[in-house]
C-alpha atoms as a PDB file:
ATOM      1  CA  MET A   1     145.763  35.643-146.530  1.00  0.00           C
ATOM      2  CA  GLY A   2     147.590  37.680-143.910  1.00  0.00           C
ATOM      3  CA  LYS A   3     146.367  39.873-141.133  1.00  0.00           C
ATOM      4  CA  ASN A   4     144.437  42.993-142.224  1.00  0.00           C
ATOM      5  CA  ARG A   5     144.517  41.898-145.854  1.00  0.00           C
ATOM      6  CA  TYR A   6     140.929  40.725-146.112  1.00  0.00           C
ATOM      7  CA  PRO A   7     138.859  43.007-148.375  1.00  0.00           C
ATOM      8  CA  ILE A   8     136.696  44.256-145.503  1.00  0.00           C
ATOM      9  CA  ASP A   9     134.177  46.958-146.358  1.00  0.00           C
ATOM     10  CA  ILE A  10     135.698  50.396-145.870  1.00  0.00           C
ATOM     11  CA  GLU A  11     133.088  51.248-143.208  1.00  0.00           C
ATOM     12  CA  LEU A  12     134.318  48.283-141.150  1.00  0.00           C
ATOM     13  CA  LYS A  13     138.034  49.088-141.367  1.00  0.00           C
ATOM     14  CA  LYS A  14     138.235  50.018-137.687  1.00  0.00           C
ATOM     15  CA  LEU A  15     137.433  46.399-136.847  1.00  0.00           C
ATOM     16  CA  GLU A  16     140.716  45.279-138.397  1.00  0.00           C
ATOM     17  CA  LYS A  17     142.460  46.514-135.255  1.00  0.00           C
ATOM     18  CA  ILE A  18     140.163  44.636-132.872  1.00  0.00           C
ATOM     19  CA  LYS A  19     140.806  41.120-131.579  1.00  0.00           C
ATOM     20  CA  LEU A  20     139.275  39.320-128.614  1.00  0.00           C
ATOM     21  CA  PHE A  21     141.711  38.178-125.929  1.00  0.00           C
ATOM     22  CA  PRO A  22     142.978  34.569-125.951  1.00  0.00           C
ATOM     23  CA  ASN A  23     143.426  34.580-122.154  1.00  0.00           C
ATOM     24  CA  ILE A  24     139.982  33.787-120.743  1.00  0.00           C
ATOM     25  CA  TYR A  25     140.910  35.075-117.276  1.00  0.00           C
ATOM     26  CA  VAL A  26     141.210  38.617-118.596  1.00  0.00           C
ATOM     27  CA  TYR A  27     137.479  38.880-119.231  1.00  0.00           C
ATOM     28  CA  PRO A  28     136.250  39.426-115.658  1.00  0.00           C
ATOM     29  CA  PHE A  29     138.443  42.553-115.583  1.00  0.00           C
ATOM     30  CA  VAL A  30     137.290  43.659-119.035  1.00  0.00           C
ATOM     31  CA  ASN A  31     133.718  43.305-117.825  1.00  0.00           C
ATOM     32  CA  LEU A  32     134.321  45.902-115.138  1.00  0.00           C
ATOM     33  CA  PHE A  33     134.454  48.362-118.016  1.00  0.00           C
ATOM     34  CA  MET A  34     131.800  46.642-120.147  1.00  0.00           C
ATOM     35  CA  GLY A  35     129.441  46.951-117.207  1.00  0.00           C
ATOM     36  CA  LEU A  36     129.597  50.720-117.601  1.00  0.00           C
ATOM     37  CA  ASN A  37     127.567  50.379-120.817  1.00  0.00           C
ATOM     38  CA  THR A  38     123.930  51.136-120.101  1.00  0.00           C
ATOM     39  CA  CYS A  39     120.640  50.920-121.930  1.00  0.00           C
ATOM     40  CA  ARG A  40     118.491  53.929-121.089  1.00  0.00           C
ATOM     41  CA  SER A  41     115.045  55.156-122.028  1.00  0.00           C
ATOM     42  CA  ASP A  42     114.836  57.785-124.748  1.00  0.00           C
ATOM     43  CA  GLU A  43     112.152  59.509-126.795  1.00  0.00           C
ATOM     44  CA  LYS A  44     111.437  56.324-128.773  1.00  0.00           C
ATOM     45  CA  VAL A  45     111.662  53.514-126.216  1.00  0.00           C
ATOM     46  CA  ALA A  46     111.204  52.985-122.489  1.00  0.00           C
ATOM     47  CA  VAL A  47     113.597  50.747-120.566  1.00  0.00           C
ATOM     48  CA  ARG A  48     112.927  49.136-117.212  1.00  0.00           C
ATOM     49  CA  LYS A  49     114.748  46.530-115.160  1.00  0.00           C
ATOM     50  CA  CYS A  50     113.209  43.301-113.874  1.00  0.00           C
ATOM     51  CA  SER A  51     114.484  40.561-111.589  1.00  0.00           C
ATOM     52  CA  VAL A  52     114.037  37.150-113.211  1.00  0.00           C
ATOM     53  CA  PRO A  53     114.720  33.647-111.824  1.00  0.00           C
ATOM     54  CA  GLY A  54     117.775  32.033-113.375  1.00  0.00           C
ATOM     55  CA  TYR A  55     119.546  28.710-113.018  1.00  0.00           C
ATOM     56  CA  LYS A  56     119.831  27.246-109.497  1.00  0.00           C
ATOM     57  CA  GLY A  57     117.834  30.057-107.934  1.00  0.00           C
ATOM     58  CA  GLN A  58     120.017  32.921-109.126  1.00  0.00           C
ATOM     59  CA  ILE A  59     118.140  36.184-109.739  1.00  0.00           C
ATOM     60  CA  LEU A  60     119.071  37.728-113.078  1.00  0.00           C
ATOM     61  CA  SER A  61     118.915  41.415-113.908  1.00  0.00           C
ATOM     62  CA  THR A  62     116.841  41.603-117.074  1.00  0.00           C
ATOM     63  CA  LEU A  63     115.845  44.608-119.157  1.00  0.00           C
ATOM     64  CA  VAL A  64     112.447  45.066-120.764  1.00  0.00           C
ATOM     65  CA  ILE A  65     112.601  47.547-123.644  1.00  0.00           C
ATOM     66  CA  GLU A  66     109.391  48.703-125.290  1.00  0.00           C
ATOM     67  CA  PRO A  67     108.287  51.368-127.752  1.00  0.00           C
ATOM     68  CA  ARG A  68     106.691  54.481-126.294  1.00  0.00           C
ATOM     69  CA  ASN A  69     102.886  54.262-125.919  1.00  0.00           C
ATOM     70  CA  CYS A  70     103.148  50.492-126.182  1.00  0.00           C
ATOM     71  CA  LEU A  71      99.863  48.607-126.250  1.00  0.00           C
ATOM     72  CA  SER A  72      99.348  45.364-124.372  1.00  0.00           C
ATOM     73  CA  LYS A  73      99.644  41.922-125.945  1.00  0.00           C
ATOM     74  CA  VAL A  74     102.398  42.879-128.365  1.00  0.00           C
ATOM     75  CA  PRO A  75     104.989  40.457-129.770  1.00  0.00           C
ATOM     76  CA  CYS A  76     108.168  39.881-127.788  1.00  0.00           C
ATOM     77  CA  ILE A  77     111.789  39.479-128.827  1.00  0.00           C
ATOM     78  CA  ILE A  78     114.190  37.884-126.355  1.00  0.00           C
ATOM     79  CA  PHE A  79     117.703  39.077-127.156  1.00  0.00           C
ATOM     80  CA  PHE A  80     120.702  37.023-126.021  1.00  0.00           C
ATOM     81  CA  HIS A  81     123.820  39.125-126.552  1.00  0.00           C
ATOM     82  CA  GLY A  82     127.068  37.759-127.971  1.00  0.00           C
ATOM     83  CA  GLY A  83     130.591  38.055-126.629  1.00  0.00           C
ATOM     84  CA  GLY A  84     131.937  34.524-126.498  1.00  0.00           C
ATOM     85  CA  LEU A  85     129.897  33.789-123.364  1.00  0.00           C
ATOM     86  CA  MET A  86     132.586  35.829-121.618  1.00  0.00           C
ATOM     87  CA  LEU A  87     131.706  39.478-122.261  1.00  0.00           C
ATOM     88  CA  LYS A  88     128.872  41.609-120.986  1.00  0.00           C
ATOM     89  CA  ALA A  89     126.677  43.416-123.495  1.00  0.00           C
ATOM     90  CA  ALA A  90     128.236  46.073-125.727  1.00  0.00           C
ATOM     91  CA  LYS A  91     126.694  49.397-126.717  1.00  0.00           C
ATOM     92  CA  SER A  92     125.836  47.921-130.109  1.00  0.00           C
ATOM     93  CA  HIS A  93     123.787  45.158-128.465  1.00  0.00           C
ATOM     94  CA  TYR A  94     121.704  47.688-126.593  1.00  0.00           C
ATOM     95  CA  GLN A  95     121.227  49.756-129.735  1.00  0.00           C
ATOM     96  CA  PHE A  96     120.017  46.763-131.726  1.00  0.00           C
ATOM     97  CA  ALA A  97     117.630  45.854-128.908  1.00  0.00           C
ATOM     98  CA  LYS A  98     116.209  49.387-128.963  1.00  0.00           C
ATOM     99  CA  TRP A  99     115.900  49.314-132.752  1.00  0.00           C
ATOM    100  CA  TYR A 100     114.016  46.011-132.598  1.00  0.00           C
ATOM    101  CA  ALA A 101     111.600  47.455-130.041  1.00  0.00           C
ATOM    102  CA  GLU A 102     111.051  50.661-131.971  1.00  0.00           C
ATOM    103  CA  LYS A 103     110.943  49.389-135.548  1.00  0.00           C
ATOM    104  CA  ALA A 104     109.275  45.992-135.039  1.00  0.00           C
ATOM    105  CA  LYS A 105     106.887  47.374-132.390  1.00  0.00           C
ATOM    106  CA  CYS A 106     107.813  44.626-129.957  1.00  0.00           C
ATOM    107  CA  LYS A 107     108.806  44.382-126.342  1.00  0.00           C
ATOM    108  CA  VAL A 108     112.420  43.256-126.118  1.00  0.00           C
ATOM    109  CA  VAL A 109     113.596  41.220-123.128  1.00  0.00           C
ATOM    110  CA  PHE A 110     117.358  41.423-122.616  1.00  0.00           C
ATOM    111  CA  PRO A 111     118.839  39.132-119.929  1.00  0.00           C
ATOM    112  CA  ASP A 112     122.173  39.522-118.169  1.00  0.00           C
ATOM    113  CA  TYR A 113     123.088  35.835-118.108  1.00  0.00           C
ATOM    114  CA  ARG A 114     126.115  34.479-116.241  1.00  0.00           C
ATOM    115  CA  LEU A 115     129.477  34.219-117.946  1.00  0.00           C
ATOM    116  CA  VAL A 116     132.552  32.045-118.394  1.00  0.00           C
ATOM    117  CA  PRO A 117     135.094  31.441-116.910  1.00  0.00           C
ATOM    118  CA  LYS A 118     133.359  31.474-113.514  1.00  0.00           C
ATOM    119  CA  TYR A 119     130.125  29.969-114.797  1.00  0.00           C
ATOM    120  CA  ARG A 120     130.665  27.282-117.409  1.00  0.00           C
ATOM    121  CA  PHE A 121     128.097  25.173-119.269  1.00  0.00           C
ATOM    122  CA  PRO A 122     125.176  24.898-118.593  1.00  0.00           C
ATOM    123  CA  TYR A 123     124.846  28.137-116.582  1.00  0.00           C
ATOM    124  CA  ALA A 124     124.447  30.577-119.493  1.00  0.00           C
ATOM    125  CA  VAL A 125     121.974  28.477-121.449  1.00  0.00           C
ATOM    126  CA  GLU A 126     119.959  27.495-118.361  1.00  0.00           C
ATOM    127  CA  ASP A 127     119.822  31.163-117.327  1.00  0.00           C
ATOM    128  CA  CYS A 128     118.525  32.051-120.782  1.00  0.00           C
ATOM    129  CA  TYR A 129     116.001  29.234-120.745  1.00  0.00           C
ATOM    130  CA  GLY A 130     114.807  30.520-117.369  1.00  0.00           C
ATOM    131  CA  VAL A 131     114.205  33.941-118.889  1.00  0.00           C
ATOM    132  CA  TYR A 132     112.323  32.371-121.786  1.00  0.00           C
ATOM    133  CA  ASP A 133     110.183  30.361-119.370  1.00  0.00           C
ATOM    134  CA  TRP A 134     109.520  33.531-117.352  1.00  0.00           C
ATOM    135  CA  VAL A 135     108.334  35.382-120.455  1.00  0.00           C
ATOM    136  CA  ILE A 136     105.981  32.564-121.428  1.00  0.00           C
ATOM    137  CA  ASN A 137     104.540  32.200-117.929  1.00  0.00           C
ATOM    138  CA  SER A 138     104.354  35.942-117.222  1.00  0.00           C
ATOM    139  CA  ALA A 139     103.070  36.966-120.630  1.00  0.00           C
ATOM    140  CA  ASP A 140      99.873  38.561-119.320  1.00  0.00           C
ATOM    141  CA  GLU A 141     101.693  40.655-116.727  1.00  0.00           C
ATOM    142  CA  LEU A 142     104.336  41.630-119.275  1.00  0.00           C
ATOM    143  CA  GLY A 143     101.712  42.547-121.842  1.00  0.00           C
ATOM    144  CA  VAL A 144     103.089  40.235-124.518  1.00  0.00           C
ATOM    145  CA  ASP A 145     101.571  37.569-126.726  1.00  0.00           C
ATOM    146  CA  LYS A 146     103.236  34.304-125.720  1.00  0.00           C
ATOM    147  CA  ASN A 147     102.499  32.881-129.168  1.00  0.00           C
ATOM    148  CA  LYS A 148     104.550  35.653-130.766  1.00  0.00           C
ATOM    149  CA  VAL A 149     107.910  35.297-129.044  1.00  0.00           C
ATOM    150  CA  ILE A 150     111.035  35.463-131.213  1.00  0.00           C
ATOM    151  CA  LEU A 151     114.501  34.507-129.977  1.00  0.00           C
ATOM    152  CA  THR A 152     117.487  36.381-131.337  1.00  0.00           C
ATOM    153  CA  GLY A 153     121.197  36.672-130.724  1.00  0.00           C
ATOM    154  CA  ASP A 154     124.562  37.313-132.316  1.00  0.00           C
ATOM    155  CA  SER A 155     127.527  34.922-132.212  1.00  0.00           C
ATOM    156  CA  ALA A 156     127.422  33.172-128.813  1.00  0.00           C
ATOM    157  CA  GLY A 157     124.024  34.788-128.241  1.00  0.00           C
ATOM    158  CA  ALA A 158     122.797  33.034-131.380  1.00  0.00           C
ATOM    159  CA  ASN A 159     124.079  29.778-129.912  1.00  0.00           C
ATOM    160  CA  LEU A 160     121.930  30.445-126.843  1.00  0.00           C
ATOM    161  CA  ALA A 161     118.892  31.248-128.993  1.00  0.00           C
ATOM    162  CA  ALA A 162     119.219  27.947-130.863  1.00  0.00           C
ATOM    163  CA  ALA A 163     119.848  25.975-127.684  1.00  0.00           C
ATOM    164  CA  VAL A 164     116.903  27.500-125.798  1.00  0.00           C
ATOM    165  CA  THR A 165     114.701  26.618-128.785  1.00  0.00           C
ATOM    166  CA  LEU A 166     115.791  22.979-128.519  1.00  0.00           C
ATOM    167  CA  MET A 167     115.247  23.018-124.757  1.00  0.00           C
ATOM    168  CA  ALA A 168     111.734  24.429-125.144  1.00  0.00           C
ATOM    169  CA  ARG A 169     110.912  21.682-127.632  1.00  0.00           C
ATOM    170  CA  ASP A 170     112.379  18.930-125.450  1.00  0.00           C
ATOM    171  CA  ARG A 171     110.722  20.238-122.289  1.00  0.00           C
ATOM    172  CA  ALA A 172     107.348  20.540-124.023  1.00  0.00           C
ATOM    173  CA  VAL A 173     106.739  24.215-123.381  1.00  0.00           C
ATOM    174  CA  THR A 174     105.424  26.776-125.853  1.00  0.00           C
ATOM    175  CA  SER A 175     107.844  27.020-128.768  1.00  0.00           C
ATOM    176  CA  PRO A 176     109.120  30.381-130.006  1.00  0.00           C
ATOM    177  CA  LEU A 177     107.514  31.734-133.145  1.00  0.00           C
ATOM    178  CA  GLY A 178     110.885  32.204-134.791  1.00  0.00           C
ATOM    179  CA  VAL A 179     114.639  32.417-134.318  1.00  0.00           C
ATOM    180  CA  LEU A 180     116.942  35.129-135.698  1.00  0.00           C
ATOM    181  CA  MET A 181     120.694  34.505-135.599  1.00  0.00           C
ATOM    182  CA  SER A 182     123.656  36.537-136.805  1.00  0.00           C
ATOM    183  CA  TYR A 183     127.071  34.883-137.337  1.00  0.00           C
ATOM    184  CA  PRO A 184     126.004  32.024-135.042  1.00  0.00           C
ATOM    185  CA  VAL A 185     128.242  29.685-133.048  1.00  0.00           C
ATOM    186  CA  LEU A 186     126.664  26.271-133.563  1.00  0.00           C
ATOM    187  CA  ASP A 187     129.185  23.430-133.668  1.00  0.00           C
ATOM    188  CA  ARG A 188     132.003  22.741-131.173  1.00  0.00           C
ATOM    189  CA  ARG A 189     133.588  20.206-133.577  1.00  0.00           C
ATOM    190  CA  MET A 190     134.953  23.029-135.745  1.00  0.00           C
ATOM    191  CA  ASN A 191     135.323  20.821-138.818  1.00  0.00           C
ATOM    192  CA  THR A 192     134.205  23.271-141.527  1.00  0.00           C
ATOM    193  CA  GLU A 193     136.226  24.783-144.334  1.00  0.00           C
ATOM    194  CA  SER A 194     135.806  28.292-142.880  1.00  0.00           C
ATOM    195  CA  MET A 195     137.260  27.083-139.573  1.00  0.00           C
ATOM    196  CA  ARG A 196     140.301  25.754-141.412  1.00  0.00           C
ATOM    197  CA  LYS A 197     140.616  28.887-143.547  1.00  0.00           C
ATOM    198  CA  PHE A 198     140.009  31.826-141.210  1.00  0.00           C
ATOM    199  CA  THR A 199     142.662  31.667-138.515  1.00  0.00           C
ATOM    200  CA  ASP A 200     143.671  35.342-138.657  1.00  0.00           C
ATOM    201  CA  THR A 201     140.495  37.310-139.298  1.00  0.00           C
ATOM    202  CA  PRO A 202     139.655  40.534-137.421  1.00  0.00           C
ATOM    203  CA  VAL A 203     137.777  40.369-134.095  1.00  0.00           C
ATOM    204  CA  PHE A 204     137.454  36.577-133.959  1.00  0.00           C
ATOM    205  CA  ASP A 205     139.048  33.556-135.606  1.00  0.00           C
ATOM    206  CA  ALA A 206     139.259  29.776-135.402  1.00  0.00           C
ATOM    207  CA  ASN A 207     142.044  29.842-132.804  1.00  0.00           C
ATOM    208  CA  LEU A 208     139.888  31.921-130.472  1.00  0.00           C
ATOM    209  CA  ALA A 209     136.891  29.693-131.179  1.00  0.00           C
ATOM    210  CA  ARG A 210     138.870  26.682-129.975  1.00  0.00           C
ATOM    211  CA  ILE A 211     139.868  28.479-126.771  1.00  0.00           C
ATOM    212  CA  PHE A 212     136.306  29.629-126.083  1.00  0.00           C
ATOM    213  CA  TRP A 213     134.796  26.193-126.677  1.00  0.00           C
ATOM    214  CA  GLY A 214     137.330  24.687-124.278  1.00  0.00           C
ATOM    215  CA  ALA A 215     136.483  27.277-121.647  1.00  0.00           C
ATOM    216  CA  TYR A 216     132.719  26.859-121.990  1.00  0.00           C
ATOM    217  CA  LEU A 217     132.703  23.067-121.822  1.00  0.00           C
ATOM    218  CA  ALA A 218     135.825  22.664-119.646  1.00  0.00           C
ATOM    219  CA  ASP A 219     136.804  19.642-121.773  1.00  0.00           C
ATOM    220  CA  THR A 220     133.740  17.691-120.638  1.00  0.00           C
ATOM    221  CA  GLN A 221     131.076  15.857-122.605  1.00  0.00           C
ATOM    222  CA  PRO A 222     127.682  16.973-121.240  1.00  0.00           C
ATOM    223  CA  GLU A 223     124.702  14.661-121.427  1.00  0.00           C
ATOM    224  CA  HIS A 224     122.860  17.152-123.634  1.00  0.00           C
ATOM    225  CA  ILE A 225     125.711  18.310-125.842  1.00  0.00           C
ATOM    226  CA  GLU A 226     123.155  19.787-128.262  1.00  0.00           C
ATOM    227  CA  TYR A 227     122.360  22.496-125.708  1.00  0.00           C
ATOM    228  CA  ALA A 228     125.944  23.674-126.111  1.00  0.00           C
ATOM    229  CA  SER A 229     126.517  22.599-129.714  1.00  0.00           C
ATOM    230  CA  PRO A 230     123.100  22.727-131.449  1.00  0.00           C
ATOM    231  CA  MET A 231     124.396  21.222-134.697  1.00  0.00           C
ATOM    232  CA  GLU A 232     124.886  17.968-132.779  1.00  0.00           C
ATOM    233  CA  ALA A 233     121.182  17.575-132.021  1.00  0.00           C
ATOM    234  CA  GLU A 234     119.864  14.221-133.225  1.00  0.00           C
ATOM    235  CA  THR A 235     117.022  16.049-134.936  1.00  0.00           C
ATOM    236  CA  LEU A 236     116.043  19.660-135.566  1.00  0.00           C
ATOM    237  CA  GLU A 237     112.475  18.679-136.310  1.00  0.00           C
ATOM    238  CA  GLY A 238     110.026  21.202-134.873  1.00  0.00           C
ATOM    239  CA  PHE A 239     112.469  24.106-135.064  1.00  0.00           C
ATOM    240  CA  PRO A 240     110.505  27.286-135.902  1.00  0.00           C
ATOM    241  CA  GLU A 241     111.004  29.568-138.884  1.00  0.00           C
ATOM    242  CA  THR A 242     114.558  30.873-138.815  1.00  0.00           C
ATOM    243  CA  TYR A 243     116.600  33.791-140.166  1.00  0.00           C
ATOM    244  CA  ILE A 244     120.391  33.423-140.345  1.00  0.00           C
ATOM    245  CA  GLU A 245     123.079  35.917-141.362  1.00  0.00           C
ATOM    246  CA  VAL A 246     126.705  34.956-141.871  1.00  0.00           C
ATOM    247  CA  ALA A 247     129.725  37.188-142.489  1.00  0.00           C
ATOM    248  CA  GLU A 248     131.946  36.469-145.483  1.00  0.00           C
ATOM    249  CA  PHE A 249     135.273  36.570-143.618  1.00  0.00           C
ATOM    250  CA  ASP A 250     134.388  34.674-140.461  1.00  0.00           C
ATOM    251  CA  CYS A 251     135.429  31.262-139.181  1.00  0.00           C
ATOM    252  CA  LEU A 252     131.747  30.769-138.254  1.00  0.00           C
ATOM    253  CA  HIS A 253     130.598  31.376-141.831  1.00  0.00           C
ATOM    254  CA  ASP A 254     130.038  27.709-142.638  1.00  0.00           C
ATOM    255  CA  ASP A 255     128.378  26.951-139.284  1.00  0.00           C
ATOM    256  CA  GLY A 256     125.457  29.178-140.192  1.00  0.00           C
ATOM    257  CA  ILE A 257     125.120  27.825-143.718  1.00  0.00           C
ATOM    258  CA  ALA A 258     125.308  24.185-142.608  1.00  0.00           C
ATOM    259  CA  PHE A 259     122.705  24.766-139.905  1.00  0.00           C
ATOM    260  CA  ALA A 260     120.414  26.511-142.388  1.00  0.00           C
ATOM    261  CA  GLU A 261     120.734  23.650-144.863  1.00  0.00           C
ATOM    262  CA  ARG A 262     119.999  21.096-142.184  1.00  0.00           C
ATOM    263  CA  LEU A 263     116.965  23.024-140.936  1.00  0.00           C
ATOM    264  CA  LYS A 264     115.628  23.260-144.474  1.00  0.00           C
ATOM    265  CA  THR A 265     116.122  19.526-144.999  1.00  0.00           C
ATOM    266  CA  GLU A 266     114.241  18.804-141.761  1.00  0.00           C
ATOM    267  CA  GLY A 267     111.265  20.966-142.690  1.00  0.00           C
ATOM    268  CA  THR A 268     111.966  24.443-141.301  1.00  0.00           C
ATOM    269  CA  LYS A 269     111.419  27.558-143.402  1.00  0.00           C
ATOM    270  CA  ILE A 270     114.730  29.408-143.684  1.00  0.00           C
ATOM    271  CA  GLU A 271     115.936  32.826-144.761  1.00  0.00           C
ATOM    272  CA  LEU A 272     119.723  32.884-145.165  1.00  0.00           C
ATOM    273  CA  HIS A 273     121.921  35.879-146.011  1.00  0.00           C
ATOM    274  CA  GLU A 274     125.660  36.210-146.505  1.00  0.00           C
ATOM    275  CA  VAL A 275     126.941  39.674-145.650  1.00  0.00           C
ATOM    276  CA  ASN A 276     129.743  40.259-148.139  1.00  0.00           C
ATOM    277  CA  ASN A 277     132.944  42.112-147.261  1.00  0.00           C
ATOM    278  CA  ALA A 278     132.127  41.701-143.563  1.00  0.00           C
ATOM    279  CA  CYS A 279     133.920  40.072-140.646  1.00  0.00           C
ATOM    280  CA  HIS A 280     132.664  38.713-137.355  1.00  0.00           C
ATOM    281  CA  GLY A 281     131.161  41.393-135.149  1.00  0.00           C
ATOM    282  CA  PHE A 282     130.288  43.788-137.975  1.00  0.00           C
ATOM    283  CA  GLU A 283     127.197  44.907-136.015  1.00  0.00           C
ATOM    284  CA  VAL A 284     129.510  47.112-133.931  1.00  0.00           C
ATOM    285  CA  ALA A 285     129.694  49.515-136.911  1.00  0.00           C
ATOM    286  CA  LEU A 286     126.257  50.949-136.188  1.00  0.00           C
ATOM    287  CA  GLU A 287     126.468  53.773-138.741  1.00  0.00           C
ATOM    288  CA  SER A 288     127.629  51.566-141.625  1.00  0.00           C
ATOM    289  CA  ASN A 289     125.453  50.841-144.629  1.00  0.00           C
ATOM    290  CA  LEU A 290     126.014  47.113-144.081  1.00  0.00           C
ATOM    291  CA  VAL A 291     124.409  47.358-140.650  1.00  0.00           C
ATOM    292  CA  LYS A 292     121.545  49.532-141.917  1.00  0.00           C
ATOM    293  CA  GLU A 293     120.808  47.045-144.703  1.00  0.00           C
ATOM    294  CA  SER A 294     121.024  44.128-142.295  1.00  0.00           C
ATOM    295  CA  LEU A 295     118.690  45.805-139.816  1.00  0.00           C
ATOM    296  CA  LEU A 296     116.120  46.504-142.555  1.00  0.00           C
ATOM    297  CA  ARG A 297     116.177  42.850-143.677  1.00  0.00           C
ATOM    298  CA  ARG A 298     115.705  41.657-140.119  1.00  0.00           C
ATOM    299  CA  ILE A 299     112.839  44.030-139.361  1.00  0.00           C
ATOM    300  CA  ASN A 300     111.115  42.978-142.586  1.00  0.00           C
ATOM    301  CA  TRP A 301     111.513  39.313-141.635  1.00  0.00           C
ATOM    302  CA  ILE A 302     110.243  39.881-138.077  1.00  0.00           C
ATOM    303  CA  SER A 303     107.270  41.915-139.271  1.00  0.00           C
ATOM    304  CA  LYS A 304     106.273  39.353-141.898  1.00  0.00           C
ATOM    305  CA  LEU A 305     106.618  36.496-139.416  1.00  0.00           C
ATOM    306  CA  ILE A 306     104.363  38.267-136.933  1.00  0.00           C
ATOM    307  CA  ASP A 307     101.810  39.347-139.533  1.00  0.00           C
ATOM    308  CA  ASP A 308     101.579  35.869-141.079  1.00  0.00           C
ATOM    309  CA  LEU A 309     100.557  34.232-137.804  1.00  0.00           C
END
């Protein structure tokens, strides 16, 4: 099926004209503009900035977003934004973070982790693990319940959420209560049917996935490949309850489904949704009905997970 001929929902049509760049060295310049996006307090949420220890002593700028009149000891969502591990957060990421804080009555921690091509694996995931460790160890000062921490992310951010979960398990620290992933990147081997099929989809496709994997891993084989490619973990035993959304016309479609099936087989409770007539990055269309429906499902899942504890 040719370019722009996928039956994308009419509210997502503007995405048909968007494609990430294949040249990885363009992204530092793009990020000069992406860095102009801000997340500011409003009548529903308060936003403050914290300095958090990252990998190899780097101090990371990290946002804490909370609902107005927030009580202490509330649940916490740590949000790892997507963007191929190359892009800074978009306006849509900040809006979703604010929605999670407001509607799920949680504090949302939003780290500014380091990016490819300057910082390749394991910088991003170790930065994100450092933020997770900071939340767990600073829970009292942050006013969060360390037993009610949920990791979330979209695309490459979902990869980081899954990887940090594996790292927490392997390093014997408090595990997250749950993981929420949208159109996740989970397997560098790229051997699924959707990877073979979707080579010309809007926003992102299999050709770009191959370029981004090469940039992240720099053609090396890390000792802990599962922290880059979570599907390659020897076992997913101990993974917490998980919510996964996949987009119908996305090369990553089968990654999410395969990971969900494996989690279920290994004993994890799973909620899996396919968003029909959607492509990768559909969350950018904040006013669309698809996004509103997706947000409602996620808030319901988060609320039930928290209430059931």
